[in-house]
């Protein structure tokens, strides 16, 4: 059954962006024998879990440039979300009180659409 199902499987995988990634040297030309199935699975999982490492590192760098890392480790995700995104439940009255209309008047259409 393995040969019927996986006979053409090579040491490569498709990443999220659709590109083909070789898991080993010359992986596109090496089929996966049954004996190497565990290694193949481990390599695929590692490649897929690691494909966003660069983006995650950029987010961490940016976040730690604003929030010291030690503070980050002392907060919960709820507190972090509140600090980054603010409260999600502002009333229109509160928005009007805290909004500054530079170069606009309360009666302007753009301001009316905002409220």
N, C-alpha and C. Protein backbone atom coordinates (compact mmCIF):
# COMPACT_ATOMS: atom_id res chain seq x y z
N UNK A 1 0.83 -1.19 0.00
CA UNK A 1 0.00 0.00 0.00
C UNK A 1 0.87 1.26 0.00
N UNK A 2 1.97 1.24 0.77
CA UNK A 2 2.84 2.43 0.82
C UNK A 2 3.31 2.80 -0.58
N UNK A 3 3.78 1.84 -1.33
CA UNK A 3 4.30 2.12 -2.67
C UNK A 3 3.24 2.68 -3.60
N UNK A 4 2.00 2.19 -3.50
CA UNK A 4 0.93 2.72 -4.35
C UNK A 4 0.61 4.17 -4.00
N UNK A 5 0.68 4.51 -2.72
CA UNK A 5 0.29 5.84 -2.26
C UNK A 5 1.43 6.85 -2.35
N UNK A 6 2.64 6.45 -1.98
CA UNK A 6 3.75 7.39 -1.84
C UNK A 6 4.93 7.13 -2.79
N UNK A 7 4.76 6.31 -3.78
CA UNK A 7 5.88 5.93 -4.64
C UNK A 7 6.56 7.12 -5.30
N UNK A 8 5.82 8.19 -5.55
CA UNK A 8 6.41 9.35 -6.23
C UNK A 8 6.77 10.49 -5.27
N UNK A 9 6.59 10.27 -3.97
CA UNK A 9 6.90 11.32 -2.98
C UNK A 9 8.41 11.54 -2.93
N UNK A 10 8.82 12.81 -2.99
CA UNK A 10 10.24 13.13 -2.92
C UNK A 10 10.54 13.88 -1.63
N UNK A 11 11.83 14.04 -1.34
CA UNK A 11 12.25 14.77 -0.15
C UNK A 11 12.10 16.28 -0.40
N UNK A 12 10.86 16.70 -0.57
CA UNK A 12 10.53 18.11 -0.79
C UNK A 12 9.14 18.35 -0.24
N UNK A 13 8.80 19.61 -0.07
CA UNK A 13 7.46 19.96 0.38
C UNK A 13 7.09 21.31 -0.21
N UNK A 14 5.81 21.60 -0.21
CA UNK A 14 5.32 22.91 -0.65
C UNK A 14 5.14 23.80 0.58
N UNK A 15 5.68 24.99 0.52
CA UNK A 15 5.53 25.95 1.61
C UNK A 15 4.23 26.73 1.42
N UNK A 16 3.89 27.54 2.39
CA UNK A 16 2.64 28.30 2.36
C UNK A 16 2.50 29.21 1.15
N UNK A 17 3.62 29.71 0.66
CA UNK A 17 3.55 30.60 -0.51
C UNK A 17 3.53 29.85 -1.83
N UNK A 18 3.49 28.51 -1.76
CA UNK A 18 3.40 27.69 -2.97
C UNK A 18 4.75 27.24 -3.52
N UNK A 19 5.84 27.77 -2.98
CA UNK A 19 7.15 27.36 -3.48
C UNK A 19 7.48 25.94 -3.01
N UNK A 20 8.29 25.27 -3.81
CA UNK A 20 8.74 23.93 -3.46
C UNK A 20 10.06 24.07 -2.72
N UNK A 21 10.16 23.40 -1.58
CA UNK A 21 11.35 23.48 -0.73
C UNK A 21 11.97 22.09 -0.64
N UNK A 22 13.24 21.98 -0.99
CA UNK A 22 13.93 20.70 -0.89
C UNK A 22 14.36 20.48 0.56
N UNK A 23 13.97 19.34 1.11
CA UNK A 23 14.25 19.03 2.51
C UNK A 23 15.67 18.54 2.72
N UNK A 24 16.26 17.98 1.69
CA UNK A 24 17.65 17.53 1.71
C UNK A 24 18.27 17.92 0.38
N UNK A 25 19.59 17.80 0.29
CA UNK A 25 20.29 18.11 -0.96
C UNK A 25 19.73 17.22 -2.08
N UNK A 26 19.37 17.84 -3.18
CA UNK A 26 18.82 17.14 -4.34
C UNK A 26 17.52 16.42 -3.99
N UNK A 27 16.76 17.00 -3.06
CA UNK A 27 15.54 16.36 -2.56
C UNK A 27 14.46 16.11 -3.60
N UNK A 28 14.41 16.93 -4.64
CA UNK A 28 13.40 16.72 -5.69
C UNK A 28 13.67 15.45 -6.49
N UNK A 29 14.89 14.97 -6.48
CA UNK A 29 15.25 13.78 -7.24
C UNK A 29 15.40 12.54 -6.39
N UNK A 30 15.11 12.65 -5.10
CA UNK A 30 15.22 11.50 -4.19
C UNK A 30 13.84 11.10 -3.69
N UNK A 31 13.40 9.91 -4.03
CA UNK A 31 12.11 9.43 -3.53
C UNK A 31 12.26 9.01 -2.07
N UNK A 32 11.14 8.97 -1.39
CA UNK A 32 11.13 8.66 0.05
C UNK A 32 10.79 7.18 0.23
N UNK A 33 11.79 6.37 0.58
CA UNK A 33 11.49 4.96 0.85
C UNK A 33 10.79 4.82 2.20
N UNK A 34 10.09 3.72 2.37
CA UNK A 34 9.34 3.49 3.60
C UNK A 34 10.23 3.62 4.83
N UNK A 35 11.47 3.16 4.73
CA UNK A 35 12.39 3.19 5.87
C UNK A 35 12.71 4.62 6.31
N UNK A 36 12.55 5.60 5.42
CA UNK A 36 12.89 7.00 5.73
C UNK A 36 11.65 7.85 6.02
N UNK A 37 10.51 7.21 6.15
CA UNK A 37 9.26 7.95 6.34
C UNK A 37 9.29 8.82 7.60
N UNK A 38 9.84 8.32 8.70
CA UNK A 38 9.90 9.10 9.93
C UNK A 38 10.80 10.34 9.76
N UNK A 39 11.95 10.15 9.11
CA UNK A 39 12.85 11.27 8.85
C UNK A 39 12.18 12.30 7.95
N UNK A 40 11.51 11.81 6.90
CA UNK A 40 10.80 12.69 5.96
C UNK A 40 9.74 13.51 6.71
N UNK A 41 8.96 12.86 7.54
CA UNK A 41 7.92 13.56 8.31
C UNK A 41 8.52 14.62 9.21
N UNK A 42 9.61 14.28 9.89
CA UNK A 42 10.29 15.23 10.77
C UNK A 42 10.80 16.44 9.99
N UNK A 43 11.36 16.20 8.80
CA UNK A 43 11.88 17.29 7.97
C UNK A 43 10.76 18.20 7.46
N UNK A 44 9.63 17.61 7.07
CA UNK A 44 8.49 18.40 6.60
C UNK A 44 7.95 19.28 7.72
N UNK A 45 7.77 18.69 8.90
CA UNK A 45 7.25 19.46 10.04
C UNK A 45 8.22 20.60 10.38
N UNK A 46 9.50 20.31 10.40
CA UNK A 46 10.50 21.34 10.71
C UNK A 46 10.48 22.47 9.69
N UNK A 47 10.38 22.12 8.41
CA UNK A 47 10.36 23.15 7.36
C UNK A 47 9.10 24.01 7.46
N UNK A 48 7.97 23.38 7.67
CA UNK A 48 6.71 24.13 7.72
C UNK A 48 6.62 25.00 8.96
N UNK A 49 7.07 24.49 10.11
CA UNK A 49 7.02 25.28 11.34
C UNK A 49 8.04 26.42 11.32
N UNK A 50 9.12 26.25 10.58
CA UNK A 50 10.17 27.27 10.56
C UNK A 50 10.07 28.27 9.44
N UNK A 51 9.08 28.11 8.56
CA UNK A 51 9.04 28.98 7.39
C UNK A 51 8.71 30.44 7.71
N UNK A 52 8.18 30.71 8.88
CA UNK A 52 7.86 32.09 9.24
C UNK A 52 8.82 32.65 10.30
N UNK A 53 9.93 31.97 10.54
CA UNK A 53 10.88 32.41 11.57
C UNK A 53 11.35 33.84 11.35
N UNK A 54 11.64 34.21 10.12
CA UNK A 54 12.15 35.55 9.83
C UNK A 54 11.09 36.62 10.16
N UNK A 55 9.83 36.34 9.82
CA UNK A 55 8.76 37.29 10.11
C UNK A 55 8.52 37.41 11.61
N UNK A 56 8.55 36.28 12.30
CA UNK A 56 8.35 36.29 13.75
C UNK A 56 9.48 37.08 14.42
N UNK A 57 10.70 36.89 13.95
CA UNK A 57 11.84 37.63 14.52
C UNK A 57 11.68 39.13 14.29
N UNK A 58 11.20 39.52 13.12
CA UNK A 58 10.98 40.95 12.84
C UNK A 58 9.91 41.52 13.76
N UNK A 59 8.86 40.77 14.01
CA UNK A 59 7.80 41.21 14.94
C UNK A 59 8.38 41.36 16.35
N UNK A 60 9.16 40.36 16.78
CA UNK A 60 9.78 40.43 18.12
C UNK A 60 10.69 41.65 18.24
N UNK A 61 11.50 41.89 17.22
CA UNK A 61 12.42 43.04 17.24
C UNK A 61 11.64 44.34 17.35
N UNK A 62 10.60 44.48 16.56
CA UNK A 62 9.78 45.68 16.62
C UNK A 62 9.08 45.84 17.96
N UNK A 63 8.53 44.76 18.45
CA UNK A 63 7.82 44.79 19.73
C UNK A 63 8.76 45.16 20.87
N UNK A 64 9.95 44.56 20.87
CA UNK A 64 10.91 44.83 21.94
C UNK A 64 11.56 46.20 21.80
N UNK A 65 11.40 46.85 20.66
CA UNK A 65 11.91 48.22 20.54
C UNK A 65 10.95 49.20 21.22
N UNK A 66 9.72 48.76 21.48
CA UNK A 66 8.72 49.60 22.12
C UNK A 66 8.48 49.17 23.57
N UNK A 67 8.44 47.86 23.77
CA UNK A 67 8.20 47.30 25.10
C UNK A 67 9.45 46.52 25.50
N UNK A 68 10.10 46.88 26.60
CA UNK A 68 11.29 46.12 27.02
C UNK A 68 10.95 44.64 27.18
N UNK A 69 11.88 43.78 26.78
CA UNK A 69 11.61 42.34 26.80
C UNK A 69 11.20 41.83 28.18
N UNK A 70 11.83 42.34 29.24
CA UNK A 70 11.50 41.86 30.57
C UNK A 70 10.05 42.21 30.94
N UNK A 71 9.55 43.35 30.46
CA UNK A 71 8.15 43.73 30.72
C UNK A 71 7.22 42.80 29.94
N UNK A 72 7.61 42.49 28.72
CA UNK A 72 6.83 41.59 27.88
C UNK A 72 6.60 40.25 28.58
N UNK A 73 7.63 39.73 29.22
CA UNK A 73 7.52 38.44 29.89
C UNK A 73 6.70 38.50 31.18
N UNK A 74 6.44 39.70 31.67
CA UNK A 74 5.66 39.85 32.90
C UNK A 74 4.18 40.12 32.63
N UNK A 75 3.79 40.17 31.37
CA UNK A 75 2.41 40.52 31.04
C UNK A 75 1.69 39.34 30.41
N UNK A 76 0.38 39.35 30.49
CA UNK A 76 -0.42 38.31 29.84
C UNK A 76 -0.76 38.76 28.43
N UNK A 77 -1.25 37.85 27.60
CA UNK A 77 -1.61 38.24 26.23
C UNK A 77 -2.77 39.22 26.25
N UNK A 78 -3.66 39.11 27.25
CA UNK A 78 -4.78 40.05 27.35
C UNK A 78 -4.28 41.47 27.60
N UNK A 79 -3.34 41.60 28.53
CA UNK A 79 -2.78 42.92 28.84
C UNK A 79 -2.02 43.48 27.64
N UNK A 80 -1.27 42.63 26.96
CA UNK A 80 -0.51 43.07 25.79
C UNK A 80 -1.46 43.55 24.69
N UNK A 81 -2.52 42.80 24.45
CA UNK A 81 -3.51 43.20 23.44
C UNK A 81 -4.12 44.56 23.79
N UNK A 82 -4.45 44.76 25.04
CA UNK A 82 -5.03 46.03 25.48
C UNK A 82 -4.04 47.18 25.28
N UNK A 83 -2.77 46.94 25.61
CA UNK A 83 -1.76 48.00 25.46
C UNK A 83 -1.48 48.32 23.98
N UNK A 84 -1.50 47.31 23.13
CA UNK A 84 -1.19 47.51 21.71
C UNK A 84 -2.41 48.02 20.94
N UNK A 85 -3.58 47.43 21.19
CA UNK A 85 -4.78 47.74 20.40
C UNK A 85 -5.72 48.73 21.07
N UNK A 86 -5.61 48.88 22.38
CA UNK A 86 -6.53 49.75 23.10
C UNK A 86 -7.83 49.03 23.41
N UNK A 87 -8.72 49.74 24.03
CA UNK A 87 -10.03 49.18 24.37
C UNK A 87 -10.87 48.99 23.12
N UNK A 88 -11.59 47.89 23.03
CA UNK A 88 -12.43 47.66 21.85
C UNK A 88 -13.85 48.20 22.01
N UNK A 89 -14.16 48.78 23.17
CA UNK A 89 -15.56 49.11 23.46
C UNK A 89 -15.80 50.60 23.72
N UNK A 90 -15.16 51.47 22.94
CA UNK A 90 -15.41 52.90 23.08
C UNK A 90 -16.82 53.24 22.62
N UNK A 91 -17.45 54.16 23.32
CA UNK A 91 -18.75 54.66 22.87
C UNK A 91 -18.52 55.83 21.93
N UNK A 92 -19.52 56.16 21.15
CA UNK A 92 -19.41 57.31 20.23
C UNK A 92 -19.18 58.58 21.04
N UNK A 93 -19.83 58.69 22.20
CA UNK A 93 -19.64 59.86 23.06
C UNK A 93 -18.17 60.00 23.46
N UNK A 94 -17.55 58.90 23.87
CA UNK A 94 -16.14 58.94 24.26
C UNK A 94 -15.25 59.31 23.07
N UNK A 95 -15.54 58.76 21.91
CA UNK A 95 -14.76 59.09 20.71
C UNK A 95 -14.85 60.58 20.40
N UNK A 96 -16.05 61.15 20.51
CA UNK A 96 -16.22 62.59 20.24
C UNK A 96 -15.43 63.43 21.25
N UNK A 97 -15.41 62.99 22.51
CA UNK A 97 -14.69 63.75 23.54
C UNK A 97 -13.19 63.73 23.31
N UNK A 98 -12.64 62.66 22.79
CA UNK A 98 -11.20 62.51 22.65
C UNK A 98 -10.67 62.82 21.26
N UNK A 99 -11.55 63.11 20.30
CA UNK A 99 -11.12 63.37 18.93
C UNK A 99 -10.83 64.84 18.72
N UNK A 100 -9.70 65.12 18.07
CA UNK A 100 -9.34 66.48 17.69
C UNK A 100 -9.57 66.63 16.19
N UNK A 101 -10.35 67.62 15.81
CA UNK A 101 -10.67 67.82 14.39
C UNK A 101 -9.79 68.92 13.82
N UNK A 102 -8.59 68.58 13.42
CA UNK A 102 -7.68 69.56 12.84
C UNK A 102 -8.12 69.91 11.42
N UNK A 103 -8.52 71.14 11.22
CA UNK A 103 -8.91 71.61 9.89
C UNK A 103 -10.30 71.17 9.47
N UNK A 104 -11.05 70.56 10.36
CA UNK A 104 -12.41 70.11 10.03
C UNK A 104 -13.38 70.70 11.06
N UNK A 105 -14.64 70.74 10.64
CA UNK A 105 -15.69 71.20 11.56
C UNK A 105 -16.62 70.03 11.88
N UNK A 106 -17.28 70.11 12.98
CA UNK A 106 -18.21 69.08 13.43
C UNK A 106 -19.27 68.76 12.36
N UNK A 107 -19.65 69.77 11.57
CA UNK A 107 -20.69 69.58 10.56
C UNK A 107 -20.21 69.01 9.23
N UNK A 108 -18.89 68.87 9.03
CA UNK A 108 -18.37 68.32 7.77
C UNK A 108 -18.87 66.89 7.57
N UNK A 109 -19.12 66.54 6.29
CA UNK A 109 -19.61 65.20 5.98
C UNK A 109 -18.65 64.11 6.45
N UNK A 110 -17.35 64.35 6.27
CA UNK A 110 -16.37 63.33 6.69
C UNK A 110 -16.47 63.06 8.19
N UNK A 111 -16.69 64.10 8.97
CA UNK A 111 -16.81 63.93 10.42
C UNK A 111 -18.11 63.20 10.75
N UNK A 112 -19.18 63.53 10.05
CA UNK A 112 -20.47 62.87 10.29
C UNK A 112 -20.37 61.37 9.99
N UNK A 113 -19.64 61.01 8.92
CA UNK A 113 -19.45 59.59 8.61
C UNK A 113 -18.68 58.88 9.72
N UNK A 114 -17.76 59.59 10.35
CA UNK A 114 -16.98 59.01 11.42
C UNK A 114 -17.86 58.61 12.59
N UNK A 115 -18.83 59.47 12.92
CA UNK A 115 -19.70 59.16 14.05
C UNK A 115 -20.82 58.24 13.63
